[in-house]
Each structure stands twice: as structure tokens, then as C-alpha cells.
Amino acid sequence: MPKERINQQITARNVRLIDAEGKQVGIVDIDRALQIADDAELDLVEIAPAADPPVCKIMRFDKYYYNKEKSAREAKKRQHTVQLKEIKMGPNTEEHDYEFKKRNAIKFLKQHNKVKFTIRFKGRQLAHKDIGYKLLERLEKDLEDYAEIDQKPTEEARTISMIMVARKDLKPDIEKSSE
């Protein structure tokens, strides 16, 4: 996390100053701003360096930086990275295997991960790609309460694949995915 410039590190000649109570003082010379901060026994912190002139605030830098890092840690705890989970099948997948893979897909979707269904064809099975499309349609129908299509079925060489993403109103599972 980049640290803001404080006190003598500030290079601008004039700054827009905010005092310790949060009231705007106005545009002042950097030496005057440093003097006001020194009189209050606080730091002059450049909080908006891109502004013209830069915005500086009089405050305790250590307390400000601690709170900023604390809020960044909290935000990192709450974020969830979406992973792409792949489930592979053949066009002749048996009923029990289909149900097992469907349950796994539901588990992944409840964790708000994307699920990619891949139907692989071998040898003469390529002549019957319609079976693969029917299997993907069945999955789409069976999972309509949990997911919506992110990417329609697409053909690539000997495979047909479709990506589904969890519905926005789906309640997430407490347990995280095990990688």
C-alpha cells in the first residue's frame, strides 16, 4: 500500500488545506501549512496529490495509516475470487454419473464459482454431436434454479463446452471450495 507524502515530503508550493477539525482553510503556501500543522503538533498529510492544487489535511499520520490498513484488511477478508470449475463428461454418461456431476456443479455454484461443462467425443461419437447438445440442454434445465448460462454451448475440435454462472439471488454456501 503506497504511503502518502507527509510534512517535508510534500513538493507542491501551494496546497488546499483542511484543518484538524475537517474544515477547509483554503489554498495556502506550503510553508504556512507546515507551520499550522506544527503548531497543532500534528502531521500535514497529502491525501489527494492528483488535485490541483494538492489537498492536504492536518492529522495524526500514524492513526490515519493504521485505520487505512485495517479497512484494507477487512475488505480483503470479505472478497471472494470466482474460480472456473470444469466438469467433464462423455456423450454416453450414465444416469448415476450424471447425477453425481450435477450435485458437484450445484456445490460449485453455491460457492459462487463458474462451472464449465465439457462434453468430450471419441472416435465415432463425433457423428452424434446432437447427443452432447441434448445433454447440455438437460443440464441447463436441471440447474435453472441455481445458475444461468454465461456462455452458450460452443464446439471446439472434439469437445462441446458451456459455462454457467450462479444466479444473483442464490444464497452462498458457508464452506469454501477446497483446491
N, C-alpha and C. Protein backbone atom coordinates (compact mmCIF):
# COMPACT_ATOMS: atom_id res chain seq x y z
N MET A 1 0.86 -1.18 0.00
CA MET A 1 0.00 0.00 0.00
C MET A 1 0.90 1.24 0.00
N PRO A 2 0.76 2.12 -1.00
CA PRO A 2 1.65 3.29 -1.05
C PRO A 2 1.35 4.28 0.07
N LYS A 3 2.41 4.77 0.65
CA LYS A 3 2.24 5.76 1.72
C LYS A 3 2.08 7.14 1.11
N GLU A 4 1.28 7.95 1.74
CA GLU A 4 1.10 9.31 1.30
C GLU A 4 2.32 10.13 1.73
N ARG A 5 2.53 11.24 1.03
CA ARG A 5 3.64 12.12 1.43
C ARG A 5 3.19 12.93 2.64
N ILE A 6 4.12 13.11 3.57
CA ILE A 6 3.80 13.89 4.77
C ILE A 6 4.86 14.95 5.00
N ASN A 7 4.45 16.00 5.66
CA ASN A 7 5.32 17.11 6.07
C ASN A 7 6.29 17.55 4.98
N GLN A 8 7.61 17.40 5.19
CA GLN A 8 8.62 17.91 4.24
C GLN A 8 8.67 17.12 2.93
N GLN A 9 8.00 15.99 2.84
CA GLN A 9 7.99 15.21 1.60
C GLN A 9 7.09 15.84 0.54
N ILE A 10 6.18 16.71 0.94
CA ILE A 10 5.25 17.34 0.01
C ILE A 10 6.02 18.35 -0.84
N THR A 11 5.89 18.23 -2.18
CA THR A 11 6.70 19.05 -3.08
C THR A 11 5.96 20.26 -3.66
N ALA A 12 4.65 20.29 -3.55
CA ALA A 12 3.87 21.39 -4.13
C ALA A 12 4.15 22.70 -3.38
N ARG A 13 4.03 23.82 -4.11
CA ARG A 13 4.26 25.13 -3.49
C ARG A 13 3.03 25.60 -2.72
N ASN A 14 1.86 25.36 -3.31
CA ASN A 14 0.60 25.73 -2.66
C ASN A 14 -0.25 24.48 -2.50
N VAL A 15 -1.02 24.43 -1.41
CA VAL A 15 -1.89 23.29 -1.15
C VAL A 15 -3.26 23.77 -0.69
N ARG A 16 -4.27 22.93 -0.96
CA ARG A 16 -5.60 23.19 -0.41
C ARG A 16 -5.61 22.53 0.95
N LEU A 17 -5.76 23.31 1.99
CA LEU A 17 -5.58 22.83 3.36
C LEU A 17 -6.92 22.56 4.05
N ILE A 18 -6.96 21.40 4.74
CA ILE A 18 -8.08 21.04 5.60
C ILE A 18 -7.52 20.91 7.00
N ASP A 19 -8.12 21.61 7.97
CA ASP A 19 -7.55 21.59 9.33
C ASP A 19 -7.94 20.31 10.08
N ALA A 20 -7.51 20.21 11.33
CA ALA A 20 -7.70 19.00 12.13
C ALA A 20 -9.18 18.70 12.41
N GLU A 21 -10.04 19.71 12.39
CA GLU A 21 -11.47 19.51 12.63
C GLU A 21 -12.21 19.14 11.35
N GLY A 22 -11.53 19.16 10.21
CA GLY A 22 -12.16 18.82 8.94
C GLY A 22 -12.71 20.02 8.20
N LYS A 23 -12.42 21.23 8.66
CA LYS A 23 -12.89 22.44 7.99
C LYS A 23 -11.85 22.88 6.95
N GLN A 24 -12.36 23.36 5.82
CA GLN A 24 -11.46 23.79 4.76
C GLN A 24 -10.91 25.18 5.07
N VAL A 25 -9.60 25.28 5.08
CA VAL A 25 -8.94 26.55 5.34
C VAL A 25 -8.80 27.35 4.05
N GLY A 26 -8.53 26.64 2.95
CA GLY A 26 -8.37 27.27 1.64
C GLY A 26 -7.01 26.95 1.07
N ILE A 27 -6.62 27.68 0.02
CA ILE A 27 -5.33 27.46 -0.62
C ILE A 27 -4.29 28.30 0.11
N VAL A 28 -3.27 27.62 0.62
CA VAL A 28 -2.21 28.31 1.37
C VAL A 28 -0.85 27.84 0.87
N ASP A 29 0.17 28.63 1.18
CA ASP A 29 1.55 28.30 0.86
C ASP A 29 1.97 27.08 1.68
N ILE A 30 2.86 26.24 1.16
CA ILE A 30 3.26 25.02 1.85
C ILE A 30 3.93 25.33 3.19
N ASP A 31 4.72 26.40 3.23
CA ASP A 31 5.39 26.76 4.49
C ASP A 31 4.36 27.13 5.56
N ARG A 32 3.32 27.87 5.17
CA ARG A 32 2.26 28.25 6.10
C ARG A 32 1.50 27.00 6.59
N ALA A 33 1.21 26.07 5.68
CA ALA A 33 0.51 24.84 6.04
C ALA A 33 1.35 24.01 7.02
N LEU A 34 2.64 23.92 6.77
CA LEU A 34 3.53 23.17 7.67
C LEU A 34 3.58 23.83 9.05
N GLN A 35 3.57 25.16 9.07
CA GLN A 35 3.60 25.89 10.33
C GLN A 35 2.32 25.65 11.14
N ILE A 36 1.16 25.66 10.46
CA ILE A 36 -0.12 25.40 11.13
C ILE A 36 -0.13 23.99 11.71
N ALA A 37 0.37 23.02 10.94
CA ALA A 37 0.43 21.62 11.40
C ALA A 37 1.38 21.49 12.60
N ASP A 38 2.49 22.19 12.53
CA ASP A 38 3.49 22.12 13.61
C ASP A 38 2.93 22.74 14.90
N ASP A 39 2.20 23.85 14.76
CA ASP A 39 1.59 24.49 15.93
C ASP A 39 0.56 23.59 16.59
N ALA A 40 -0.14 22.77 15.79
CA ALA A 40 -1.15 21.85 16.32
C ALA A 40 -0.52 20.53 16.80
N GLU A 41 0.80 20.41 16.60
CA GLU A 41 1.56 19.20 16.95
C GLU A 41 1.00 17.97 16.23
N LEU A 42 0.65 18.17 14.95
CA LEU A 42 0.14 17.10 14.10
C LEU A 42 0.93 17.08 12.79
N ASP A 43 0.59 16.12 11.91
CA ASP A 43 1.27 15.99 10.62
C ASP A 43 0.44 16.62 9.52
N LEU A 44 1.13 17.09 8.48
CA LEU A 44 0.48 17.56 7.26
C LEU A 44 0.55 16.40 6.27
N VAL A 45 -0.61 15.86 5.89
CA VAL A 45 -0.68 14.67 5.04
C VAL A 45 -1.31 15.04 3.70
N GLU A 46 -0.64 14.67 2.61
CA GLU A 46 -1.15 14.91 1.26
C GLU A 46 -2.12 13.78 0.93
N ILE A 47 -3.44 14.06 0.97
CA ILE A 47 -4.43 13.00 0.76
C ILE A 47 -4.93 12.92 -0.67
N ALA A 48 -4.79 13.97 -1.45
CA ALA A 48 -5.19 13.95 -2.86
C ALA A 48 -4.11 14.63 -3.70
N PRO A 49 -3.04 13.89 -4.02
CA PRO A 49 -1.92 14.51 -4.75
C PRO A 49 -2.25 14.85 -6.20
N ALA A 50 -3.26 14.23 -6.79
CA ALA A 50 -3.60 14.48 -8.20
C ALA A 50 -4.39 15.76 -8.39
N ALA A 51 -4.98 16.27 -7.34
CA ALA A 51 -5.79 17.50 -7.45
C ALA A 51 -4.87 18.69 -7.72
N ASP A 52 -5.46 19.77 -8.22
CA ASP A 52 -4.67 20.98 -8.50
C ASP A 52 -5.29 22.15 -7.77
N PRO A 53 -4.72 22.67 -6.73
CA PRO A 53 -3.52 22.21 -6.04
C PRO A 53 -3.81 20.97 -5.19
N PRO A 54 -2.77 20.22 -4.77
CA PRO A 54 -2.98 19.01 -3.98
C PRO A 54 -3.70 19.32 -2.67
N VAL A 55 -4.54 18.35 -2.23
CA VAL A 55 -5.29 18.53 -0.99
C VAL A 55 -4.47 17.93 0.15
N CYS A 56 -4.26 18.71 1.21
CA CYS A 56 -3.52 18.26 2.38
C CYS A 56 -4.40 18.44 3.62
N LYS A 57 -4.24 17.51 4.56
CA LYS A 57 -5.04 17.56 5.77
C LYS A 57 -4.11 17.48 6.98
N ILE A 58 -4.49 18.19 8.02
CA ILE A 58 -3.72 18.16 9.26
C ILE A 58 -4.31 17.07 10.14
N MET A 59 -3.47 16.05 10.49
CA MET A 59 -3.95 14.91 11.28
C MET A 59 -2.76 14.15 11.84
N ARG A 60 -3.07 13.15 12.70
CA ARG A 60 -2.04 12.22 13.17
C ARG A 60 -1.87 11.16 12.11
N PHE A 61 -0.70 11.14 11.46
CA PHE A 61 -0.49 10.23 10.33
C PHE A 61 -0.52 8.77 10.76
N ASP A 62 0.08 8.44 11.90
CA ASP A 62 0.13 7.04 12.32
C ASP A 62 -1.26 6.47 12.54
N LYS A 63 -2.15 7.23 13.13
CA LYS A 63 -3.53 6.78 13.35
C LYS A 63 -4.27 6.64 12.03
N TYR A 64 -4.08 7.60 11.14
CA TYR A 64 -4.72 7.58 9.81
C TYR A 64 -4.27 6.36 9.03
N TYR A 65 -2.97 6.09 9.01
CA TYR A 65 -2.43 4.98 8.24
C TYR A 65 -2.87 3.64 8.83
N TYR A 66 -2.92 3.53 10.15
CA TYR A 66 -3.38 2.30 10.81
C TYR A 66 -4.83 2.00 10.40
N ASN A 67 -5.69 3.00 10.46
CA ASN A 67 -7.10 2.80 10.09
C ASN A 67 -7.26 2.45 8.62
N LYS A 68 -6.42 3.03 7.77
CA LYS A 68 -6.47 2.75 6.33
C LYS A 68 -6.08 1.29 6.07
N GLU A 69 -5.01 0.81 6.72
CA GLU A 69 -4.57 -0.58 6.55
C GLU A 69 -5.60 -1.55 7.12
N LYS A 70 -6.22 -1.19 8.25
CA LYS A 70 -7.22 -2.03 8.88
C LYS A 70 -8.43 -2.21 7.96
N SER A 71 -8.88 -1.14 7.34
CA SER A 71 -10.03 -1.24 6.44
C SER A 71 -9.66 -2.03 5.18
N ALA A 72 -8.42 -1.94 4.72
CA ALA A 72 -7.99 -2.73 3.56
C ALA A 72 -7.97 -4.22 3.90
N ARG A 73 -7.54 -4.57 5.11
CA ARG A 73 -7.53 -5.97 5.55
C ARG A 73 -8.95 -6.51 5.64
N GLU A 74 -9.87 -5.71 6.17
CA GLU A 74 -11.28 -6.12 6.27
C GLU A 74 -11.88 -6.36 4.89
N ALA A 75 -11.58 -5.47 3.94
CA ALA A 75 -12.10 -5.62 2.58
C ALA A 75 -11.55 -6.88 1.94
N LYS A 76 -10.29 -7.19 2.20
CA LYS A 76 -9.68 -8.40 1.63
C LYS A 76 -10.33 -9.66 2.20
N LYS A 77 -10.70 -9.64 3.47
CA LYS A 77 -11.37 -10.79 4.10
C LYS A 77 -12.72 -11.07 3.46
N ARG A 78 -13.43 -10.00 3.09
CA ARG A 78 -14.79 -10.14 2.59
C ARG A 78 -14.85 -10.50 1.10
N GLN A 79 -13.76 -10.32 0.37
CA GLN A 79 -13.84 -10.55 -1.07
C GLN A 79 -13.79 -12.03 -1.41
N HIS A 80 -14.41 -12.40 -2.51
CA HIS A 80 -14.44 -13.78 -2.99
C HIS A 80 -13.97 -13.79 -4.43
N THR A 81 -12.93 -14.56 -4.72
CA THR A 81 -12.48 -14.67 -6.09
C THR A 81 -13.24 -15.81 -6.76
N VAL A 82 -13.82 -15.52 -7.90
CA VAL A 82 -14.61 -16.51 -8.62
C VAL A 82 -13.65 -17.41 -9.39
N GLN A 83 -13.81 -18.71 -9.18
CA GLN A 83 -12.99 -19.68 -9.89
C GLN A 83 -13.83 -20.36 -10.97
N LEU A 84 -13.15 -20.86 -11.97
CA LEU A 84 -13.82 -21.61 -13.02
C LEU A 84 -13.58 -23.09 -12.74
N LYS A 85 -14.65 -23.81 -12.41
CA LYS A 85 -14.58 -25.24 -12.14
C LYS A 85 -15.05 -25.97 -13.40
N GLU A 86 -14.33 -27.00 -13.80
CA GLU A 86 -14.69 -27.73 -15.01
C GLU A 86 -15.21 -29.12 -14.67
N ILE A 87 -16.31 -29.49 -15.31
CA ILE A 87 -16.88 -30.82 -15.16
C ILE A 87 -16.90 -31.46 -16.54
N LYS A 88 -16.19 -32.58 -16.67
CA LYS A 88 -16.06 -33.26 -17.96
C LYS A 88 -16.97 -34.48 -18.00
N MET A 89 -17.58 -34.69 -19.17
CA MET A 89 -18.47 -35.82 -19.39
C MET A 89 -18.29 -36.33 -20.81
N GLY A 90 -18.80 -37.51 -21.04
CA GLY A 90 -18.88 -38.05 -22.39
C GLY A 90 -20.33 -38.02 -22.83
N PRO A 91 -20.60 -38.22 -24.11
CA PRO A 91 -21.99 -38.19 -24.57
C PRO A 91 -22.81 -39.37 -24.02
N ASN A 92 -22.14 -40.44 -23.61
CA ASN A 92 -22.84 -41.63 -23.10
C ASN A 92 -22.73 -41.73 -21.58
N THR A 93 -22.72 -40.62 -20.89
CA THR A 93 -22.61 -40.62 -19.43
C THR A 93 -23.84 -41.29 -18.83
N GLU A 94 -23.59 -42.23 -17.93
CA GLU A 94 -24.68 -42.97 -17.29
C GLU A 94 -25.44 -42.06 -16.32
N GLU A 95 -26.63 -42.47 -15.94
CA GLU A 95 -27.53 -41.67 -15.09
C GLU A 95 -26.90 -41.36 -13.73
N HIS A 96 -26.29 -42.37 -13.09
CA HIS A 96 -25.69 -42.16 -11.77
C HIS A 96 -24.54 -41.15 -11.85
N ASP A 97 -23.70 -41.27 -12.88
CA ASP A 97 -22.58 -40.33 -13.06
C ASP A 97 -23.11 -38.92 -13.34
N TYR A 98 -24.17 -38.85 -14.14
CA TYR A 98 -24.78 -37.55 -14.45
C TYR A 98 -25.26 -36.87 -13.16
N GLU A 99 -25.96 -37.62 -12.31
CA GLU A 99 -26.47 -37.06 -11.06
C GLU A 99 -25.32 -36.62 -10.15
N PHE A 100 -24.27 -37.43 -10.08
CA PHE A 100 -23.10 -37.10 -9.26
C PHE A 100 -22.45 -35.79 -9.73
N LYS A 101 -22.27 -35.67 -11.04
CA LYS A 101 -21.65 -34.47 -11.60
C LYS A 101 -22.57 -33.25 -11.44
N LYS A 102 -23.88 -33.48 -11.52
CA LYS A 102 -24.83 -32.39 -11.31
C LYS A 102 -24.76 -31.89 -9.87
N ARG A 103 -24.66 -32.82 -8.90
CA ARG A 103 -24.54 -32.42 -7.48
C ARG A 103 -23.26 -31.62 -7.25
N ASN A 104 -22.15 -32.05 -7.88
CA ASN A 104 -20.91 -31.29 -7.77
C ASN A 104 -21.06 -29.89 -8.35
N ALA A 105 -21.75 -29.79 -9.48
CA ALA A 105 -21.97 -28.49 -10.11
C ALA A 105 -22.78 -27.59 -9.18
N ILE A 106 -23.80 -28.14 -8.54
CA ILE A 106 -24.62 -27.35 -7.60
C ILE A 106 -23.76 -26.87 -6.44
N LYS A 107 -22.88 -27.74 -5.95
CA LYS A 107 -21.98 -27.36 -4.85
C LYS A 107 -21.08 -26.20 -5.28
N PHE A 108 -20.51 -26.28 -6.50
CA PHE A 108 -19.66 -25.20 -7.00
C PHE A 108 -20.44 -23.91 -7.19
N LEU A 109 -21.67 -24.03 -7.70
CA LEU A 109 -22.48 -22.84 -7.93
C LEU A 109 -22.88 -22.17 -6.62
N LYS A 110 -23.13 -22.97 -5.58
CA LYS A 110 -23.47 -22.40 -4.27
C LYS A 110 -22.28 -21.65 -3.67
N GLN A 111 -21.08 -22.00 -4.11
CA GLN A 111 -19.87 -21.28 -3.68
C GLN A 111 -19.60 -20.08 -4.59
N HIS A 112 -20.55 -19.82 -5.49
CA HIS A 112 -20.50 -18.71 -6.45
C HIS A 112 -19.28 -18.80 -7.37
N ASN A 113 -18.94 -20.01 -7.79
CA ASN A 113 -17.92 -20.22 -8.81
C ASN A 113 -18.61 -20.47 -10.14
N LYS A 114 -17.89 -20.21 -11.23
CA LYS A 114 -18.42 -20.53 -12.55
C LYS A 114 -18.16 -22.01 -12.79
N VAL A 115 -19.04 -22.64 -13.57
CA VAL A 115 -18.88 -24.06 -13.88
C VAL A 115 -18.88 -24.22 -15.40
N LYS A 116 -17.83 -24.90 -15.88
CA LYS A 116 -17.71 -25.18 -17.32
C LYS A 116 -18.00 -26.66 -17.53
N PHE A 117 -19.01 -26.94 -18.31
CA PHE A 117 -19.35 -28.32 -18.64
C PHE A 117 -18.72 -28.64 -19.99
N THR A 118 -17.95 -29.71 -20.04
CA THR A 118 -17.28 -30.10 -21.27
C THR A 118 -17.72 -31.52 -21.63
N ILE A 119 -18.22 -31.67 -22.85
CA ILE A 119 -18.59 -32.99 -23.36
C ILE A 119 -17.50 -33.37 -24.37
N ARG A 120 -16.79 -34.48 -24.08
CA ARG A 120 -15.71 -34.93 -24.96
C ARG A 120 -16.20 -36.10 -25.83
N PHE A 121 -15.84 -36.03 -27.10
CA PHE A 121 -16.22 -37.08 -28.05
C PHE A 121 -14.98 -37.85 -28.47
N LYS A 122 -15.13 -39.18 -28.57
CA LYS A 122 -14.02 -40.03 -29.01
C LYS A 122 -14.48 -40.84 -30.22
N GLY A 123 -13.61 -40.97 -31.18
CA GLY A 123 -13.86 -41.83 -32.34
C GLY A 123 -15.16 -41.54 -33.06
N ARG A 124 -16.00 -42.55 -33.17
CA ARG A 124 -17.24 -42.43 -33.94
C ARG A 124 -18.32 -41.61 -33.24
N GLN A 125 -18.08 -41.30 -31.99
CA GLN A 125 -19.07 -40.46 -31.25
C GLN A 125 -19.22 -39.10 -31.90
N LEU A 126 -18.19 -38.65 -32.63
CA LEU A 126 -18.23 -37.33 -33.30
C LEU A 126 -19.41 -37.21 -34.25
N ALA A 127 -19.88 -38.32 -34.78
CA ALA A 127 -21.01 -38.29 -35.71
C ALA A 127 -22.31 -37.96 -34.98
N HIS A 128 -22.31 -38.01 -33.66
CA HIS A 128 -23.54 -37.78 -32.89
C HIS A 128 -23.38 -36.62 -31.89
N LYS A 129 -22.98 -35.48 -32.40
CA LYS A 129 -22.82 -34.32 -31.52
C LYS A 129 -24.15 -33.85 -30.96
N ASP A 130 -25.25 -34.22 -31.63
CA ASP A 130 -26.57 -33.84 -31.13
C ASP A 130 -26.82 -34.42 -29.74
N ILE A 131 -26.25 -35.57 -29.43
CA ILE A 131 -26.39 -36.17 -28.09
C ILE A 131 -25.73 -35.26 -27.05
N GLY A 132 -24.58 -34.71 -27.39
CA GLY A 132 -23.89 -33.79 -26.49
C GLY A 132 -24.70 -32.53 -26.23
N TYR A 133 -25.29 -31.98 -27.30
CA TYR A 133 -26.12 -30.78 -27.14
C TYR A 133 -27.35 -31.06 -26.28
N LYS A 134 -27.94 -32.26 -26.45
CA LYS A 134 -29.11 -32.63 -25.63
C LYS A 134 -28.71 -32.76 -24.16
N LEU A 135 -27.51 -33.30 -23.90
CA LEU A 135 -27.01 -33.43 -22.53
C LEU A 135 -26.83 -32.05 -21.89
N LEU A 136 -26.28 -31.11 -22.65
CA LEU A 136 -26.11 -29.74 -22.13
C LEU A 136 -27.45 -29.05 -21.91
N GLU A 137 -28.42 -29.30 -22.79
CA GLU A 137 -29.76 -28.73 -22.60
C GLU A 137 -30.40 -29.29 -21.33
N ARG A 138 -30.20 -30.59 -21.09
CA ARG A 138 -30.74 -31.21 -19.88
C ARG A 138 -30.10 -30.60 -18.63
N LEU A 139 -28.79 -30.39 -18.68
CA LEU A 139 -28.10 -29.75 -17.55
C LEU A 139 -28.64 -28.35 -17.32
N GLU A 140 -28.82 -27.61 -18.39
CA GLU A 140 -29.35 -26.24 -18.28
C GLU A 140 -30.72 -26.24 -17.61
N LYS A 141 -31.57 -27.18 -18.01
CA LYS A 141 -32.92 -27.28 -17.44
C LYS A 141 -32.86 -27.70 -15.97
N ASP A 142 -32.00 -28.70 -15.65
CA ASP A 142 -31.90 -29.20 -14.28
C ASP A 142 -31.31 -28.16 -13.32
N LEU A 143 -30.46 -27.28 -13.83
CA LEU A 143 -29.77 -26.31 -12.96
C LEU A 143 -30.37 -24.91 -13.03
N GLU A 144 -31.55 -24.76 -13.64
CA GLU A 144 -32.12 -23.42 -13.82
C GLU A 144 -32.40 -22.70 -12.49
N ASP A 145 -32.61 -23.46 -11.39
CA ASP A 145 -32.83 -22.83 -10.08
C ASP A 145 -31.54 -22.29 -9.49
N TYR A 146 -30.40 -22.79 -9.94
CA TYR A 146 -29.11 -22.44 -9.36
C TYR A 146 -28.27 -21.53 -10.25
N ALA A 147 -28.42 -21.66 -11.57
CA ALA A 147 -27.49 -20.97 -12.46
C ALA A 147 -28.17 -20.46 -13.71
N GLU A 148 -27.43 -19.60 -14.39
CA GLU A 148 -27.84 -19.13 -15.70
C GLU A 148 -26.65 -19.26 -16.63
N ILE A 149 -26.92 -19.29 -17.92
CA ILE A 149 -25.84 -19.51 -18.89
C ILE A 149 -25.00 -18.25 -19.02
N ASP A 150 -23.69 -18.44 -18.91
CA ASP A 150 -22.74 -17.35 -19.10
C ASP A 150 -22.22 -17.40 -20.54
N GLN A 151 -22.00 -18.63 -21.03
CA GLN A 151 -21.55 -18.82 -22.41
C GLN A 151 -22.31 -19.99 -23.01
N LYS A 152 -22.98 -19.73 -24.11
CA LYS A 152 -23.76 -20.76 -24.80
C LYS A 152 -22.85 -21.90 -25.24
N PRO A 153 -23.41 -23.09 -25.50
CA PRO A 153 -22.58 -24.21 -25.94
C PRO A 153 -21.79 -23.87 -27.21
N THR A 154 -20.49 -24.16 -27.16
CA THR A 154 -19.62 -23.90 -28.30
C THR A 154 -18.83 -25.16 -28.63
N GLU A 155 -18.58 -25.36 -29.92
CA GLU A 155 -17.81 -26.53 -30.37
C GLU A 155 -16.36 -26.14 -30.55
N GLU A 156 -15.48 -27.05 -30.12
CA GLU A 156 -14.05 -26.87 -30.32
C GLU A 156 -13.45 -28.24 -30.56
N ALA A 157 -13.02 -28.51 -31.76
CA ALA A 157 -12.42 -29.79 -32.14
C ALA A 157 -13.33 -30.96 -31.72
N ARG A 158 -12.93 -31.72 -30.71
CA ARG A 158 -13.69 -32.90 -30.28
C ARG A 158 -14.51 -32.64 -29.02
N THR A 159 -14.75 -31.38 -28.69
CA THR A 159 -15.50 -31.06 -27.46
C THR A 159 -16.59 -30.04 -27.73
N ILE A 160 -17.59 -30.08 -26.86
CA ILE A 160 -18.62 -29.04 -26.80
C ILE A 160 -18.60 -28.56 -25.35
N SER A 161 -18.54 -27.25 -25.16
CA SER A 161 -18.50 -26.74 -23.78
C SER A 161 -19.48 -25.61 -23.58
N MET A 162 -19.91 -25.47 -22.34
CA MET A 162 -20.87 -24.43 -21.95
C MET A 162 -20.46 -23.95 -20.56
N ILE A 163 -20.55 -22.66 -20.31
CA ILE A 163 -20.20 -22.11 -18.99
C ILE A 163 -21.46 -21.56 -18.34
N MET A 164 -21.66 -21.95 -17.08
CA MET A 164 -22.80 -21.45 -16.31
C MET A 164 -22.28 -20.69 -15.10
N VAL A 165 -23.02 -19.69 -14.69
CA VAL A 165 -22.64 -18.87 -13.55
C VAL A 165 -23.81 -18.86 -12.57
N ALA A 166 -23.48 -18.76 -11.28
CA ALA A 166 -24.52 -18.79 -10.24
C ALA A 166 -25.48 -17.62 -10.39
N ARG A 167 -26.74 -17.87 -10.07
CA ARG A 167 -27.74 -16.80 -10.10
C ARG A 167 -27.41 -15.77 -9.02
N LYS A 168 -27.79 -14.54 -9.26
CA LYS A 168 -27.51 -13.45 -8.31
C LYS A 168 -28.24 -13.67 -6.98
N ASP A 169 -29.43 -14.26 -7.03
CA ASP A 169 -30.22 -14.45 -5.81
C ASP A 169 -29.90 -15.75 -5.08
N LEU A 170 -28.90 -16.51 -5.54
CA LEU A 170 -28.54 -17.77 -4.91
C LEU A 170 -27.77 -17.51 -3.62
N LYS A 171 -28.23 -18.11 -2.53
CA LYS A 171 -27.56 -17.94 -1.23
C LYS A 171 -26.25 -18.73 -1.24
N PRO A 172 -25.13 -18.08 -0.91
CA PRO A 172 -23.85 -18.79 -0.95
C PRO A 172 -23.71 -19.77 0.21
N ASP A 173 -22.95 -20.86 -0.04
CA ASP A 173 -22.63 -21.82 1.00
C ASP A 173 -21.58 -21.23 1.92
N ILE A 174 -21.60 -21.63 3.18
CA ILE A 174 -20.61 -21.15 4.14
C ILE A 174 -19.23 -21.73 3.82
N GLU A 175 -19.18 -23.03 3.51
CA GLU A 175 -17.87 -23.67 3.27
C GLU A 175 -17.27 -23.17 1.97
N LYS A 176 -15.94 -23.00 2.02
CA LYS A 176 -15.21 -22.54 0.84
C LYS A 176 -14.78 -23.76 0.03
N SER A 177 -14.46 -23.49 -1.24
CA SER A 177 -14.05 -24.59 -2.11
C SER A 177 -12.69 -25.10 -1.69
N SER A 178 -12.49 -26.39 -1.79
CA SER A 178 -11.19 -26.96 -1.47
C SER A 178 -10.44 -27.17 -2.77
N GLU A 179 -9.25 -26.55 -2.81
CA GLU A 179 -8.48 -26.59 -4.06
C GLU A 179 -7.55 -27.75 -4.10
